[in-house]
Amino acid sequence: MKKTKLKKQILNYTVVFEPAEEGGYIAHVPLLPGCHTQGKTLDEAYKMVQDAISLYVVTLRDESKEVPLESQSSFTAKVPVYT
């Protein structure tokens, strides 16, 4: 029996981390609707969102749906507005 080698792919997504009112951090992925999680620390939230993204992508692939990819030319910035 011939073994099939699985090709791994590294995907990068923009993640927004926000302090939670009750403590800890909330993380959400704007490109993946409904993909969000939280952690008691920023490090925990980071690890949790990696898992959430991975499961989200696996689910899309299992359902034969397209996996959204970030544009390589996009970036985020905080823009001050004086009023």
N, C-alpha and C. Protein backbone atom coordinates (compact mmCIF):
# COMPACT_ATOMS: atom_id res chain seq x y z
N MET A 1 0.85 -1.17 0.00
CA MET A 1 0.00 0.00 0.00
C MET A 1 0.91 1.24 0.00
N LYS A 2 0.64 2.16 -0.88
CA LYS A 2 1.42 3.39 -1.00
C LYS A 2 0.90 4.44 -0.03
N LYS A 3 1.82 5.03 0.74
CA LYS A 3 1.42 6.08 1.68
C LYS A 3 1.37 7.41 0.95
N THR A 4 0.32 8.17 1.24
CA THR A 4 0.18 9.51 0.67
C THR A 4 0.72 10.51 1.67
N LYS A 5 1.62 11.33 1.19
CA LYS A 5 2.21 12.34 2.06
C LYS A 5 1.31 13.57 2.06
N LEU A 6 0.89 14.00 3.25
CA LEU A 6 0.04 15.17 3.37
C LEU A 6 0.89 16.43 3.29
N LYS A 7 0.43 17.36 2.50
CA LYS A 7 1.14 18.62 2.35
C LYS A 7 0.60 19.60 3.38
N LYS A 8 1.50 20.11 4.23
CA LYS A 8 1.09 21.08 5.24
C LYS A 8 1.20 22.47 4.63
N GLN A 9 0.31 23.33 5.08
CA GLN A 9 0.26 24.69 4.59
C GLN A 9 0.23 25.63 5.79
N ILE A 10 1.00 26.71 5.71
CA ILE A 10 0.98 27.71 6.76
C ILE A 10 0.08 28.86 6.31
N LEU A 11 -0.95 29.13 7.09
CA LEU A 11 -1.87 30.23 6.79
C LEU A 11 -1.67 31.31 7.84
N ASN A 12 -1.75 32.55 7.44
CA ASN A 12 -1.62 33.68 8.36
C ASN A 12 -2.90 34.50 8.32
N TYR A 13 -3.43 34.81 9.50
CA TYR A 13 -4.65 35.61 9.60
C TYR A 13 -4.45 36.76 10.57
N THR A 14 -5.10 37.86 10.28
CA THR A 14 -5.12 38.98 11.21
C THR A 14 -6.05 38.61 12.36
N VAL A 15 -5.55 38.80 13.58
CA VAL A 15 -6.34 38.50 14.78
C VAL A 15 -6.39 39.77 15.63
N VAL A 16 -7.57 40.11 16.11
CA VAL A 16 -7.75 41.26 16.98
C VAL A 16 -7.87 40.75 18.41
N PHE A 17 -6.99 41.25 19.27
CA PHE A 17 -7.02 40.89 20.69
C PHE A 17 -7.52 42.10 21.47
N GLU A 18 -8.52 41.87 22.31
CA GLU A 18 -9.08 42.96 23.12
C GLU A 18 -9.18 42.51 24.57
N PRO A 19 -8.89 43.41 25.51
CA PRO A 19 -9.08 43.05 26.92
C PRO A 19 -10.56 42.76 27.19
N ALA A 20 -10.82 41.71 27.94
CA ALA A 20 -12.19 41.36 28.30
C ALA A 20 -12.56 42.09 29.60
N GLU A 21 -13.83 42.49 29.71
CA GLU A 21 -14.29 43.20 30.92
C GLU A 21 -14.03 42.40 32.19
N GLU A 22 -14.22 41.10 32.11
CA GLU A 22 -14.07 40.24 33.29
C GLU A 22 -12.62 39.81 33.52
N GLY A 23 -11.72 40.30 32.67
CA GLY A 23 -10.32 39.93 32.74
C GLY A 23 -9.93 39.03 31.59
N GLY A 24 -8.67 38.96 31.31
CA GLY A 24 -8.21 38.14 30.20
C GLY A 24 -8.38 38.87 28.88
N TYR A 25 -8.36 38.10 27.80
CA TYR A 25 -8.41 38.68 26.46
C TYR A 25 -9.37 37.90 25.57
N ILE A 26 -10.02 38.64 24.68
CA ILE A 26 -10.87 38.06 23.65
C ILE A 26 -10.11 38.19 22.34
N ALA A 27 -10.14 37.16 21.52
CA ALA A 27 -9.48 37.18 20.23
C ALA A 27 -10.50 36.84 19.16
N HIS A 28 -10.53 37.64 18.07
CA HIS A 28 -11.40 37.29 16.96
C HIS A 28 -10.70 37.53 15.63
N VAL A 29 -11.12 36.77 14.64
CA VAL A 29 -10.50 36.77 13.32
C VAL A 29 -11.48 37.39 12.33
N PRO A 30 -11.26 38.64 11.93
CA PRO A 30 -12.23 39.33 11.06
C PRO A 30 -12.55 38.59 9.75
N LEU A 31 -11.59 37.92 9.16
CA LEU A 31 -11.82 37.24 7.88
C LEU A 31 -12.63 35.95 8.02
N LEU A 32 -12.70 35.42 9.24
CA LEU A 32 -13.41 34.15 9.48
C LEU A 32 -14.59 34.41 10.41
N PRO A 33 -15.76 34.70 9.85
CA PRO A 33 -16.94 35.03 10.66
C PRO A 33 -17.23 33.96 11.73
N GLY A 34 -17.39 34.43 12.96
CA GLY A 34 -17.70 33.52 14.06
C GLY A 34 -16.49 32.86 14.69
N CYS A 35 -15.31 33.14 14.16
CA CYS A 35 -14.09 32.54 14.72
C CYS A 35 -13.56 33.46 15.80
N HIS A 36 -13.81 33.08 17.04
CA HIS A 36 -13.36 33.87 18.17
C HIS A 36 -13.17 32.96 19.38
N THR A 37 -12.38 33.44 20.32
CA THR A 37 -12.09 32.67 21.52
C THR A 37 -11.58 33.64 22.59
N GLN A 38 -11.17 33.10 23.71
CA GLN A 38 -10.64 33.97 24.76
C GLN A 38 -9.64 33.19 25.60
N GLY A 39 -8.87 33.94 26.41
CA GLY A 39 -7.90 33.32 27.30
C GLY A 39 -7.68 34.19 28.52
N LYS A 40 -7.21 33.58 29.58
CA LYS A 40 -6.96 34.32 30.82
C LYS A 40 -5.78 35.27 30.66
N THR A 41 -4.85 34.92 29.78
CA THR A 41 -3.68 35.76 29.50
C THR A 41 -3.61 35.97 27.99
N LEU A 42 -2.78 36.92 27.58
CA LEU A 42 -2.60 37.15 26.15
C LEU A 42 -1.98 35.92 25.49
N ASP A 43 -1.05 35.28 26.16
CA ASP A 43 -0.42 34.08 25.63
C ASP A 43 -1.44 32.95 25.45
N GLU A 44 -2.32 32.79 26.43
CA GLU A 44 -3.35 31.75 26.34
C GLU A 44 -4.33 32.07 25.21
N ALA A 45 -4.72 33.33 25.08
CA ALA A 45 -5.63 33.73 24.00
C ALA A 45 -5.00 33.48 22.64
N TYR A 46 -3.69 33.73 22.53
CA TYR A 46 -2.95 33.50 21.28
C TYR A 46 -3.01 32.02 20.91
N LYS A 47 -2.72 31.16 21.87
CA LYS A 47 -2.75 29.71 21.62
C LYS A 47 -4.17 29.24 21.30
N MET A 48 -5.14 29.78 22.01
CA MET A 48 -6.53 29.39 21.78
C MET A 48 -7.00 29.79 20.38
N VAL A 49 -6.59 30.98 19.93
CA VAL A 49 -7.04 31.41 18.61
C VAL A 49 -6.35 30.61 17.50
N GLN A 50 -5.12 30.15 17.75
CA GLN A 50 -4.48 29.26 16.78
C GLN A 50 -5.32 27.99 16.62
N ASP A 51 -5.76 27.43 17.74
CA ASP A 51 -6.61 26.23 17.69
C ASP A 51 -7.94 26.53 17.00
N ALA A 52 -8.54 27.67 17.33
CA ALA A 52 -9.84 28.03 16.75
C ALA A 52 -9.73 28.18 15.22
N ILE A 53 -8.67 28.83 14.76
CA ILE A 53 -8.47 29.00 13.32
C ILE A 53 -8.26 27.64 12.66
N SER A 54 -7.44 26.81 13.26
CA SER A 54 -7.18 25.48 12.71
C SER A 54 -8.47 24.67 12.56
N LEU A 55 -9.29 24.65 13.60
CA LEU A 55 -10.56 23.92 13.55
C LEU A 55 -11.51 24.53 12.53
N TYR A 56 -11.52 25.85 12.43
CA TYR A 56 -12.37 26.55 11.45
C TYR A 56 -11.99 26.10 10.04
N VAL A 57 -10.69 26.11 9.75
CA VAL A 57 -10.21 25.73 8.41
C VAL A 57 -10.50 24.26 8.12
N VAL A 58 -10.28 23.38 9.10
CA VAL A 58 -10.57 21.96 8.92
C VAL A 58 -12.06 21.77 8.60
N THR A 59 -12.91 22.48 9.31
CA THR A 59 -14.36 22.37 9.08
C THR A 59 -14.71 22.83 7.66
N LEU A 60 -14.15 23.96 7.23
CA LEU A 60 -14.41 24.43 5.87
C LEU A 60 -13.98 23.38 4.84
N ARG A 61 -12.80 22.82 5.04
CA ARG A 61 -12.30 21.80 4.09
C ARG A 61 -13.16 20.55 4.12
N ASP A 62 -13.59 20.12 5.31
CA ASP A 62 -14.45 18.93 5.43
C ASP A 62 -15.78 19.15 4.70
N GLU A 63 -16.24 20.40 4.68
CA GLU A 63 -17.50 20.74 4.01
C GLU A 63 -17.28 21.18 2.56
N SER A 64 -16.06 20.97 2.06
CA SER A 64 -15.67 21.34 0.68
C SER A 64 -15.96 22.80 0.36
N LYS A 65 -15.74 23.66 1.36
CA LYS A 65 -15.92 25.09 1.18
C LYS A 65 -14.56 25.75 1.00
N GLU A 66 -14.56 26.90 0.35
CA GLU A 66 -13.33 27.63 0.12
C GLU A 66 -12.79 28.22 1.42
N VAL A 67 -11.49 28.11 1.61
CA VAL A 67 -10.83 28.68 2.79
C VAL A 67 -10.38 30.10 2.43
N PRO A 68 -10.93 31.12 3.10
CA PRO A 68 -10.52 32.49 2.81
C PRO A 68 -9.05 32.71 3.16
N LEU A 69 -8.35 33.40 2.30
CA LEU A 69 -6.94 33.70 2.53
C LEU A 69 -6.76 35.21 2.65
N GLU A 70 -5.87 35.60 3.54
CA GLU A 70 -5.55 37.02 3.72
C GLU A 70 -4.80 37.52 2.49
N SER A 71 -5.07 38.75 2.12
CA SER A 71 -4.30 39.39 1.06
C SER A 71 -2.91 39.67 1.61
N GLN A 72 -1.90 39.36 0.84
CA GLN A 72 -0.53 39.58 1.29
C GLN A 72 -0.17 41.06 1.34
N SER A 73 -0.97 41.89 0.68
CA SER A 73 -0.64 43.31 0.64
C SER A 73 -1.42 44.12 1.66
N SER A 74 -2.32 43.48 2.42
CA SER A 74 -3.10 44.24 3.39
C SER A 74 -2.35 44.37 4.71
N PHE A 75 -2.70 45.38 5.48
CA PHE A 75 -2.11 45.59 6.79
C PHE A 75 -3.09 46.34 7.66
N THR A 76 -2.86 46.34 8.94
CA THR A 76 -3.72 47.07 9.87
C THR A 76 -2.90 48.18 10.52
N ALA A 77 -3.59 49.24 10.90
CA ALA A 77 -2.94 50.36 11.57
C ALA A 77 -3.96 51.09 12.42
N LYS A 78 -3.50 51.71 13.49
CA LYS A 78 -4.36 52.60 14.26
C LYS A 78 -4.18 53.99 13.67
N VAL A 79 -5.30 54.62 13.35
CA VAL A 79 -5.26 55.92 12.71
C VAL A 79 -5.90 56.94 13.65
N PRO A 80 -5.15 57.92 14.12
CA PRO A 80 -5.74 58.94 15.01
C PRO A 80 -6.61 59.90 14.21
N VAL A 81 -7.74 60.26 14.79
CA VAL A 81 -8.65 61.22 14.16
C VAL A 81 -8.89 62.33 15.18
N TYR A 82 -8.60 63.53 14.79
CA TYR A 82 -8.77 64.66 15.69
C TYR A 82 -10.11 65.30 15.44
N THR A 83 -10.92 65.45 16.48
CA THR A 83 -12.24 66.04 16.33
C THR A 83 -12.40 67.25 17.20
